[in-house]
Amino acid sequence: MTQATGGAKPAPHINIQIDREHFSVDVEALTGAQLRALPDPDIPESRDLFQVVPGGQDHKIAPGETVTLKSGMRFFSAPGQINPGSSAVALDLRI
């Protein structure tokens, strides 16, 4: 016969990528703002954060949006505003 352990679940161990950098988190969900704070330095407000959706359109993550995490998820940041035709702005996609 086994005894109950008090119902405490072990913390999850979830591996994700943001801008090709690997992170291990111990929670099942984070907000967009919390995801932006994982890299050092944080992803600035001038950039948008996207979740990579294999075979579909990538999903833009709002700062207050809660994302349920699964190991292997990938995210990337991109300039929040792109000025077509402007030679002074280089496109910087960190996929």
PDB file of N, CA and C in Angstrom:
ATOM      1  N   MET A   1       0.841  -1.172   0.000  1.00  0.00           N
ATOM      2  CA  MET A   1       0.000   0.000   0.000  1.00  0.00           C
ATOM      3  C   MET A   1       0.893   1.245   0.000  1.00  0.00           C
ATOM      4  N   THR A   2       0.552   2.227  -0.812  1.00  0.00           N
ATOM      5  CA  THR A   2       1.333   3.462  -0.867  1.00  0.00           C
ATOM      6  C   THR A   2       0.634   4.546  -0.076  1.00  0.00           C
ATOM      7  N   GLN A   3       1.417   5.467   0.438  1.00  0.00           N
ATOM      8  CA  GLN A   3       0.854   6.564   1.205  1.00  0.00           C
ATOM      9  C   GLN A   3       0.859   7.831   0.359  1.00  0.00           C
ATOM     10  N   ALA A   4      -0.104   8.677   0.615  1.00  0.00           N
ATOM     11  CA  ALA A   4      -0.179   9.957  -0.096  1.00  0.00           C
ATOM     12  C   ALA A   4       0.997  10.833   0.319  1.00  0.00           C
ATOM     13  N   THR A   5       1.486  11.625  -0.608  1.00  0.00           N
ATOM     14  CA  THR A   5       2.628  12.502  -0.332  1.00  0.00           C
ATOM     15  C   THR A   5       2.181  13.924  -0.038  1.00  0.00           C
ATOM     16  N   GLY A   6       0.927  14.112   0.258  1.00  0.00           N
ATOM     17  CA  GLY A   6       0.451  15.455   0.571  1.00  0.00           C
ATOM     18  C   GLY A   6      -0.052  16.201  -0.649  1.00  0.00           C
ATOM     19  N   GLY A   7      -0.042  15.565  -1.803  1.00  0.00           N
ATOM     20  CA  GLY A   7      -0.570  16.177  -3.007  1.00  0.00           C
ATOM     21  C   GLY A   7       0.337  17.195  -3.672  1.00  0.00           C
ATOM     22  N   ALA A   8       1.543  17.381  -3.169  1.00  0.00           N
ATOM     23  CA  ALA A   8       2.456  18.353  -3.785  1.00  0.00           C
ATOM     24  C   ALA A   8       2.984  17.795  -5.097  1.00  0.00           C
ATOM     25  N   LYS A   9       2.800  18.571  -6.150  1.00  0.00           N
ATOM     26  CA  LYS A   9       3.315  18.162  -7.462  1.00  0.00           C
ATOM     27  C   LYS A   9       4.723  18.713  -7.634  1.00  0.00           C
ATOM     28  N   PRO A  10       5.614  17.921  -8.227  1.00  0.00           N
ATOM     29  CA  PRO A  10       6.949  18.465  -8.489  1.00  0.00           C
ATOM     30  C   PRO A  10       6.861  19.586  -9.521  1.00  0.00           C
ATOM     31  N   ALA A  11       7.761  20.539  -9.416  1.00  0.00           N
ATOM     32  CA  ALA A  11       7.783  21.658 -10.364  1.00  0.00           C
ATOM     33  C   ALA A  11       8.102  21.134 -11.759  1.00  0.00           C
ATOM     34  N   PRO A  12       7.399  21.625 -12.776  1.00  0.00           N
ATOM     35  CA  PRO A  12       7.700  21.190 -14.142  1.00  0.00           C
ATOM     36  C   PRO A  12       9.068  21.718 -14.578  1.00  0.00           C
ATOM     37  N   HIS A  13       9.648  21.063 -15.539  1.00  0.00           N
ATOM     38  CA  HIS A  13      10.935  21.487 -16.098  1.00  0.00           C
ATOM     39  C   HIS A  13      10.700  21.651 -17.599  1.00  0.00           C
ATOM     40  N   ILE A  14      10.525  22.888 -18.053  1.00  0.00           N
ATOM     41  CA  ILE A  14      10.134  23.162 -19.435  1.00  0.00           C
ATOM     42  C   ILE A  14      11.247  23.931 -20.133  1.00  0.00           C
ATOM     43  N   ASN A  15      11.663  23.421 -21.298  1.00  0.00           N
ATOM     44  CA  ASN A  15      12.730  24.048 -22.084  1.00  0.00           C
ATOM     45  C   ASN A  15      12.124  24.787 -23.269  1.00  0.00           C
ATOM     46  N   ILE A  16      12.452  26.087 -23.379  1.00  0.00           N
ATOM     47  CA  ILE A  16      11.962  26.909 -24.483  1.00  0.00           C
ATOM     48  C   ILE A  16      13.137  27.676 -25.081  1.00  0.00           C
ATOM     49  N   GLN A  17      12.898  28.294 -26.247  1.00  0.00           N
ATOM     50  CA  GLN A  17      13.905  29.142 -26.895  1.00  0.00           C
ATOM     51  C   GLN A  17      13.295  30.510 -27.179  1.00  0.00           C
ATOM     52  N   ILE A  18      14.088  31.547 -26.919  1.00  0.00           N
ATOM     53  CA  ILE A  18      13.716  32.906 -27.309  1.00  0.00           C
ATOM     54  C   ILE A  18      14.903  33.485 -28.058  1.00  0.00           C
ATOM     55  N   ASP A  19      14.691  33.870 -29.314  1.00  0.00           N
ATOM     56  CA  ASP A  19      15.773  34.404 -30.150  1.00  0.00           C
ATOM     57  C   ASP A  19      16.988  33.480 -30.133  1.00  0.00           C
ATOM     58  N   ARG A  20      16.731  32.181 -30.303  1.00  0.00           N
ATOM     59  CA  ARG A  20      17.756  31.128 -30.372  1.00  0.00           C
ATOM     60  C   ARG A  20      18.495  30.880 -29.062  1.00  0.00           C
ATOM     61  N   GLU A  21      18.117  31.558 -28.002  1.00  0.00           N
ATOM     62  CA  GLU A  21      18.725  31.338 -26.693  1.00  0.00           C
ATOM     63  C   GLU A  21      17.832  30.370 -25.912  1.00  0.00           C
ATOM     64  N   HIS A  22      18.446  29.382 -25.273  1.00  0.00           N
ATOM     65  CA  HIS A  22      17.704  28.355 -24.549  1.00  0.00           C
ATOM     66  C   HIS A  22      17.439  28.783 -23.108  1.00  0.00           C
ATOM     67  N   PHE A  23      16.224  28.486 -22.640  1.00  0.00           N
ATOM     68  CA  PHE A  23      15.824  28.791 -21.271  1.00  0.00           C
ATOM     69  C   PHE A  23      15.112  27.585 -20.688  1.00  0.00           C
ATOM     70  N   SER A  24      15.319  27.350 -19.411  1.00  0.00           N
ATOM     71  CA  SER A  24      14.612  26.308 -18.684  1.00  0.00           C
ATOM     72  C   SER A  24      13.773  26.998 -17.617  1.00  0.00           C
ATOM     73  N   VAL A  25      12.470  26.756 -17.645  1.00  0.00           N
ATOM     74  CA  VAL A  25      11.573  27.395 -16.680  1.00  0.00           C
ATOM     75  C   VAL A  25      10.875  26.322 -15.847  1.00  0.00           C
ATOM     76  N   ASP A  26      10.497  26.692 -14.649  1.00  0.00           N
ATOM     77  CA  ASP A  26       9.871  25.751 -13.726  1.00  0.00           C
ATOM     78  C   ASP A  26       8.413  26.087 -13.442  1.00  0.00           C
ATOM     79  N   VAL A  27       7.769  26.734 -14.405  1.00  0.00           N
ATOM     80  CA  VAL A  27       6.342  27.044 -14.306  1.00  0.00           C
ATOM     81  C   VAL A  27       5.676  26.642 -15.615  1.00  0.00           C
ATOM     82  N   GLU A  28       4.377  26.404 -15.556  1.00  0.00           N
ATOM     83  CA  GLU A  28       3.662  25.936 -16.744  1.00  0.00           C
ATOM     84  C   GLU A  28       3.120  27.055 -17.612  1.00  0.00           C
ATOM     85  N   ALA A  29       3.149  28.302 -17.111  1.00  0.00           N
ATOM     86  CA  ALA A  29       2.636  29.432 -17.889  1.00  0.00           C
ATOM     87  C   ALA A  29       3.370  30.702 -17.486  1.00  0.00           C
ATOM     88  N   LEU A  30       3.592  31.575 -18.472  1.00  0.00           N
ATOM     89  CA  LEU A  30       4.190  32.889 -18.247  1.00  0.00           C
ATOM     90  C   LEU A  30       3.432  33.904 -19.086  1.00  0.00           C
ATOM     91  N   THR A  31       3.442  35.146 -18.660  1.00  0.00           N
ATOM     92  CA  THR A  31       2.852  36.209 -19.475  1.00  0.00           C
ATOM     93  C   THR A  31       3.875  36.642 -20.525  1.00  0.00           C
ATOM     94  N   GLY A  32       3.396  37.381 -21.506  1.00  0.00           N
ATOM     95  CA  GLY A  32       4.307  37.932 -22.504  1.00  0.00           C
ATOM     96  C   GLY A  32       5.381  38.786 -21.855  1.00  0.00           C
ATOM     97  N   ALA A  33       5.006  39.578 -20.851  1.00  0.00           N
ATOM     98  CA  ALA A  33       5.976  40.428 -20.147  1.00  0.00           C
ATOM     99  C   ALA A  33       7.031  39.578 -19.440  1.00  0.00           C
ATOM    100  N   GLN A  34       6.619  38.466 -18.847  1.00  0.00           N
ATOM    101  CA  GLN A  34       7.578  37.584 -18.174  1.00  0.00           C
ATOM    102  C   GLN A  34       8.506  36.910 -19.182  1.00  0.00           C
ATOM    103  N   LEU A  35       7.979  36.521 -20.340  1.00  0.00           N
ATOM    104  CA  LEU A  35       8.825  35.942 -21.388  1.00  0.00           C
ATOM    105  C   LEU A  35       9.852  36.963 -21.866  1.00  0.00           C
ATOM    106  N   ARG A  36       9.438  38.218 -22.034  1.00  0.00           N
ATOM    107  CA  ARG A  36      10.338  39.282 -22.488  1.00  0.00           C
ATOM    108  C   ARG A  36      11.467  39.525 -21.492  1.00  0.00           C
ATOM    109  N   ALA A  37      11.244  39.209 -20.213  1.00  0.00           N
ATOM    110  CA  ALA A  37      12.244  39.453 -19.172  1.00  0.00           C
ATOM    111  C   ALA A  37      13.245  38.309 -19.028  1.00  0.00           C
ATOM    112  N   LEU A  38      13.030  37.177 -19.700  1.00  0.00           N
ATOM    113  CA  LEU A  38      13.957  36.051 -19.566  1.00  0.00           C
ATOM    114  C   LEU A  38      15.335  36.337 -20.162  1.00  0.00           C
ATOM    115  N   PRO A  39      15.432  36.870 -21.394  1.00  0.00           N
ATOM    116  CA  PRO A  39      16.769  37.162 -21.936  1.00  0.00           C
ATOM    117  C   PRO A  39      17.434  38.305 -21.164  1.00  0.00           C
ATOM    118  N   ASP A  40      18.748  38.355 -21.242  1.00  0.00           N
ATOM    119  CA  ASP A  40      19.499  39.459 -20.630  1.00  0.00           C
ATOM    120  C   ASP A  40      20.324  40.116 -21.714  1.00  0.00           C
ATOM    121  N   PRO A  41      20.001  41.331 -22.133  1.00  0.00           N
ATOM    122  CA  PRO A  41      18.978  42.225 -21.590  1.00  0.00           C
ATOM    123  C   PRO A  41      17.570  41.805 -22.021  1.00  0.00           C
ATOM    124  N   ASP A  42      16.575  42.348 -21.316  1.00  0.00           N
ATOM    125  CA  ASP A  42      15.171  42.091 -21.653  1.00  0.00           C
ATOM    126  C   ASP A  42      14.891  42.497 -23.096  1.00  0.00           C
ATOM    127  N   ILE A  43      13.855  41.901 -23.676  1.00  0.00           N
ATOM    128  CA  ILE A  43      13.412  42.313 -25.008  1.00  0.00           C
ATOM    129  C   ILE A  43      12.742  43.681 -24.856  1.00  0.00           C
ATOM    130  N   PRO A  44      13.228  44.713 -25.566  1.00  0.00           N
ATOM    131  CA  PRO A  44      12.678  46.066 -25.390  1.00  0.00           C
ATOM    132  C   PRO A  44      11.257  46.192 -25.945  1.00  0.00           C
ATOM    133  N   GLU A  45      10.556  47.211 -25.470  1.00  0.00           N
ATOM    134  CA  GLU A  45       9.187  47.469 -25.926  1.00  0.00           C
ATOM    135  C   GLU A  45       9.127  47.804 -27.411  1.00  0.00           C
ATOM    136  N   SER A  46      10.246  48.220 -27.996  1.00  0.00           N
ATOM    137  CA  SER A  46      10.278  48.565 -29.419  1.00  0.00           C
ATOM    138  C   SER A  46      10.233  47.324 -30.315  1.00  0.00           C
ATOM    139  N   ARG A  47      10.329  46.143 -29.714  1.00  0.00           N
ATOM    140  CA  ARG A  47      10.280  44.890 -30.471  1.00  0.00           C
ATOM    141  C   ARG A  47       9.024  44.119 -30.087  1.00  0.00           C
ATOM    142  N   ASP A  48       8.482  43.369 -31.044  1.00  0.00           N
ATOM    143  CA  ASP A  48       7.339  42.495 -30.788  1.00  0.00           C
ATOM    144  C   ASP A  48       7.856  41.090 -30.511  1.00  0.00           C
ATOM    145  N   LEU A  49       7.115  40.328 -29.723  1.00  0.00           N
ATOM    146  CA  LEU A  49       7.466  38.946 -29.407  1.00  0.00           C
ATOM    147  C   LEU A  49       6.461  38.027 -30.086  1.00  0.00           C
ATOM    148  N   PHE A  50       6.965  37.007 -30.771  1.00  0.00           N
ATOM    149  CA  PHE A  50       6.127  36.062 -31.494  1.00  0.00           C
ATOM    150  C   PHE A  50       6.418  34.638 -31.043  1.00  0.00           C
ATOM    151  N   GLN A  51       5.375  33.812 -31.046  1.00  0.00           N
ATOM    152  CA  GLN A  51       5.532  32.378 -30.839  1.00  0.00           C
ATOM    153  C   GLN A  51       5.589  31.732 -32.210  1.00  0.00           C
ATOM    154  N   VAL A  52       6.576  30.876 -32.435  1.00  0.00           N
ATOM    155  CA  VAL A  52       6.690  30.155 -33.699  1.00  0.00           C
ATOM    156  C   VAL A  52       5.590  29.094 -33.736  1.00  0.00           C
ATOM    157  N   VAL A  53       4.798  29.110 -34.812  1.00  0.00           N
ATOM    158  CA  VAL A  53       3.737  28.131 -35.010  1.00  0.00           C
ATOM    159  C   VAL A  53       4.121  27.303 -36.234  1.00  0.00           C
ATOM    160  N   PRO A  54       4.661  26.084 -36.025  1.00  0.00           N
ATOM    161  CA  PRO A  54       5.080  25.265 -37.164  1.00  0.00           C
ATOM    162  C   PRO A  54       3.922  25.014 -38.135  1.00  0.00           C
ATOM    163  N   GLY A  55       4.158  25.308 -39.398  1.00  0.00           N
ATOM    164  CA  GLY A  55       3.156  25.080 -40.428  1.00  0.00           C
ATOM    165  C   GLY A  55       2.018  26.089 -40.435  1.00  0.00           C
ATOM    166  N   GLY A  56       2.117  27.112 -39.612  1.00  0.00           N
ATOM    167  CA  GLY A  56       1.055  28.113 -39.540  1.00  0.00           C
ATOM    168  C   GLY A  56       1.632  29.503 -39.415  1.00  0.00           C
ATOM    169  N   GLN A  57       0.769  30.459 -39.151  1.00  0.00           N
ATOM    170  CA  GLN A  57       1.204  31.843 -38.993  1.00  0.00           C
ATOM    171  C   GLN A  57       1.667  32.048 -37.555  1.00  0.00           C
ATOM    172  N   ASP A  58       2.857  32.629 -37.389  1.00  0.00           N
ATOM    173  CA  ASP A  58       3.396  32.881 -36.058  1.00  0.00           C
ATOM    174  C   ASP A  58       2.456  33.803 -35.289  1.00  0.00           C
ATOM    175  N   HIS A  59       2.404  33.596 -33.970  1.00  0.00           N
ATOM    176  CA  HIS A  59       1.445  34.303 -33.113  1.00  0.00           C
ATOM    177  C   HIS A  59       2.144  35.398 -32.319  1.00  0.00           C
ATOM    178  N   LYS A  60       1.656  36.635 -32.463  1.00  0.00           N
ATOM    179  CA  LYS A  60       2.202  37.763 -31.707  1.00  0.00           C
ATOM    180  C   LYS A  60       1.709  37.677 -30.264  1.00  0.00           C
ATOM    181  N   ILE A  61       2.639  37.767 -29.308  1.00  0.00           N
ATOM    182  CA  ILE A  61       2.329  37.646 -27.887  1.00  0.00           C
ATOM    183  C   ILE A  61       2.244  39.039 -27.265  1.00  0.00           C
ATOM    184  N   ALA A  62       1.085  39.390 -26.732  1.00  0.00           N
ATOM    185  CA  ALA A  62       0.906  40.670 -26.036  1.00  0.00           C
ATOM    186  C   ALA A  62       1.534  40.575 -24.644  1.00  0.00           C
ATOM    187  N   PRO A  63       2.016  41.687 -24.094  1.00  0.00           N
ATOM    188  CA  PRO A  63       2.658  41.655 -22.771  1.00  0.00           C
ATOM    189  C   PRO A  63       1.788  41.042 -21.671  1.00  0.00           C
ATOM    190  N   GLY A  64       0.480  41.266 -21.702  1.00  0.00           N
ATOM    191  CA  GLY A  64      -0.400  40.740 -20.665  1.00  0.00           C
ATOM    192  C   GLY A  64      -0.993  39.375 -20.967  1.00  0.00           C
ATOM    193  N   GLU A  65      -0.671  38.828 -22.133  1.00  0.00           N
ATOM    194  CA  GLU A  65      -1.208  37.523 -22.536  1.00  0.00           C
ATOM    195  C   GLU A  65      -0.500  36.404 -21.778  1.00  0.00           C
ATOM    196  N   THR A  66      -1.256  35.432 -21.296  1.00  0.00           N
ATOM    197  CA  THR A  66      -0.675  34.272 -20.620  1.00  0.00           C
ATOM    198  C   THR A  66      -0.454  33.168 -21.643  1.00  0.00           C
ATOM    199  N   VAL A  67       0.760  32.623 -21.657  1.00  0.00           N
ATOM    200  CA  VAL A  67       1.130  31.563 -22.587  1.00  0.00           C
ATOM    201  C   VAL A  67       1.349  30.283 -21.790  1.00  0.00           C
ATOM    202  N   THR A  68       0.597  29.223 -22.119  1.00  0.00           N
ATOM    203  CA  THR A  68       0.817  27.917 -21.510  1.00  0.00           C
ATOM    204  C   THR A  68       2.010  27.294 -22.218  1.00  0.00           C
ATOM    205  N   LEU A  69       3.045  26.973 -21.455  1.00  0.00           N
ATOM    206  CA  LEU A  69       4.311  26.532 -22.031  1.00  0.00           C
ATOM    207  C   LEU A  69       4.395  25.019 -22.160  1.00  0.00           C
ATOM    208  N   LYS A  70       5.101  24.593 -23.213  1.00  0.00           N
ATOM    209  CA  LYS A  70       5.426  23.189 -23.445  1.00  0.00           C
ATOM    210  C   LYS A  70       6.878  23.142 -23.881  1.00  0.00           C
ATOM    211  N   SER A  71       7.591  22.104 -23.471  1.00  0.00           N
ATOM    212  CA  SER A  71       8.988  21.982 -23.881  1.00  0.00           C
ATOM    213  C   SER A  71       9.092  22.003 -25.398  1.00  0.00           C
ATOM    214  N   GLY A  72      10.096  22.710 -25.877  1.00  0.00           N
ATOM    215  CA  GLY A  72      10.340  22.804 -27.308  1.00  0.00           C
ATOM    216  C   GLY A  72       9.724  24.028 -27.964  1.00  0.00           C
ATOM    217  N   MET A  73       8.915  24.791 -27.231  1.00  0.00           N
ATOM    218  CA  MET A  73       8.321  25.998 -27.824  1.00  0.00           C
ATOM    219  C   MET A  73       9.421  26.984 -28.173  1.00  0.00           C
ATOM    220  N   ARG A  74       9.199  27.706 -29.288  1.00  0.00           N
ATOM    221  CA  ARG A  74      10.169  28.710 -29.732  1.00  0.00           C
ATOM    222  C   ARG A  74       9.477  30.051 -29.902  1.00  0.00           C
ATOM    223  N   PHE A  75      10.211  31.096 -29.533  1.00  0.00           N
ATOM    224  CA  PHE A  75       9.735  32.468 -29.641  1.00  0.00           C
ATOM    225  C   PHE A  75      10.830  33.297 -30.299  1.00  0.00           C
ATOM    226  N   PHE A  76      10.433  34.382 -30.959  1.00  0.00           N
ATOM    227  CA  PHE A  76      11.422  35.295 -31.522  1.00  0.00           C
ATOM    228  C   PHE A  76      10.903  36.715 -31.419  1.00  0.00           C
ATOM    229  N   SER A  77      11.839  37.654 -31.414  1.00  0.00           N
ATOM    230  CA  SER A  77      11.456  39.065 -31.401  1.00  0.00           C
ATOM    231  C   SER A  77      11.781  39.670 -32.758  1.00  0.00           C
ATOM    232  N   ALA A  78      11.028  40.695 -33.100  1.00  0.00           N
ATOM    233  CA  ALA A  78      11.222  41.405 -34.365  1.00  0.00           C
ATOM    234  C   ALA A  78      10.883  42.871 -34.124  1.00  0.00           C
ATOM    235  N   PRO A  79      11.434  43.763 -34.951  1.00  0.00           N
ATOM    236  CA  PRO A  79      11.116  45.185 -34.780  1.00  0.00           C
ATOM    237  C   PRO A  79       9.605  45.405 -34.774  1.00  0.00           C
ATOM    238  N   GLY A  80       9.147  46.233 -33.853  1.00  0.00           N
ATOM    239  CA  GLY A  80       7.723  46.514 -33.748  1.00  0.00           C
ATOM    240  C   GLY A  80       7.203  47.357 -34.893  1.00  0.00           C
ATOM    241  N   GLN A  81       8.089  48.142 -35.487  1.00  0.00           N
ATOM    242  CA  GLN A  81       7.704  48.983 -36.617  1.00  0.00           C
ATOM    243  C   GLN A  81       8.806  48.902 -37.656  1.00  0.00           C
ATOM    244  N   ILE A  82       8.420  48.584 -38.873  1.00  0.00           N
ATOM    245  CA  ILE A  82       9.370  48.510 -39.978  1.00  0.00           C
ATOM    246  C   ILE A  82       9.021  49.626 -40.948  1.00  0.00           C
ATOM    247  N   ASN A  83      10.012  50.422 -41.315  1.00  0.00           N
ATOM    248  CA  ASN A  83       9.809  51.532 -42.240  1.00  0.00           C
ATOM    249  C   ASN A  83      10.289  51.118 -43.627  1.00  0.00           C
ATOM    250  N   PRO A  84       9.370  50.653 -44.491  1.00  0.00           N
ATOM    251  CA  PRO A  84       9.775  50.236 -45.831  1.00  0.00           C
ATOM    252  C   PRO A  84      10.454  51.374 -46.587  1.00  0.00           C
ATOM    253  N   GLY A  85      11.542  51.058 -47.242  1.00  0.00           N
ATOM    254  CA  GLY A  85      12.250  52.042 -48.047  1.00  0.00           C
ATOM    255  C   GLY A  85      13.238  52.878 -47.277  1.00  0.00           C
ATOM    256  N   SER A  86      13.279  52.748 -45.989  1.00  0.00           N
ATOM    257  CA  SER A  86      14.223  53.521 -45.181  1.00  0.00           C
ATOM    258  C   SER A  86      15.550  52.788 -45.136  1.00  0.00           C
ATOM    259  N   SER A  87      16.595  53.409 -45.686  1.00  0.00           N
ATOM    260  CA  SER A  87      17.905  52.760 -45.710  1.00  0.00           C
ATOM    261  C   SER A  87      18.600  52.842 -44.358  1.00  0.00           C
ATOM    262  N   ALA A  88      18.099  53.679 -43.453  1.00  0.00           N
ATOM    263  CA  ALA A  88      18.732  53.839 -42.143  1.00  0.00           C
ATOM    264  C   ALA A  88      18.345  52.729 -41.177  1.00  0.00           C
ATOM    265  N   VAL A  89      17.313  51.955 -41.511  1.00  0.00           N
ATOM    266  CA  VAL A  89      16.848  50.905 -40.613  1.00  0.00           C
ATOM    267  C   VAL A  89      17.189  49.552 -41.215  1.00  0.00           C
ATOM    268  N   ALA A  90      17.982  48.783 -40.502  1.00  0.00           N
ATOM    269  CA  ALA A  90      18.305  47.430 -40.945  1.00  0.00           C
ATOM    270  C   ALA A  90      17.307  46.476 -40.308  1.00  0.00           C
ATOM    271  N   LEU A  91      16.797  45.546 -41.096  1.00  0.00           N
ATOM    272  CA  LEU A  91      15.864  44.558 -40.587  1.00  0.00           C
ATOM    273  C   LEU A  91      16.620  43.579 -39.708  1.00  0.00           C
ATOM    274  N   ASP A  92      16.185  43.424 -38.471  1.00  0.00           N
ATOM    275  CA  ASP A  92      16.869  42.577 -37.502  1.00  0.00           C
ATOM    276  C   ASP A  92      15.899  41.535 -36.974  1.00  0.00           C
ATOM    277  N   LEU A  93      15.840  40.382 -37.628  1.00  0.00           N
ATOM    278  CA  LEU A  93      15.011  39.275 -37.162  1.00  0.00           C
ATOM    279  C   LEU A  93      15.914  38.289 -36.450  1.00  0.00           C
ATOM    280  N   ARG A  94      15.632  38.018 -35.205  1.00  0.00           N
ATOM    281  CA  ARG A  94      16.477  37.127 -34.400  1.00  0.00           C
ATOM    282  C   ARG A  94      15.851  35.743 -34.299  1.00  0.00           C
ATOM    283  N   ILE A  95      15.600  35.118 -35.395  1.00  0.00           N
ATOM    284  CA  ILE A  95      14.948  33.808 -35.394  1.00  0.00           C
ATOM    285  C   ILE A  95      15.943  32.734 -35.048  1.00  0.00           C
TER     286      ILE A  95
END
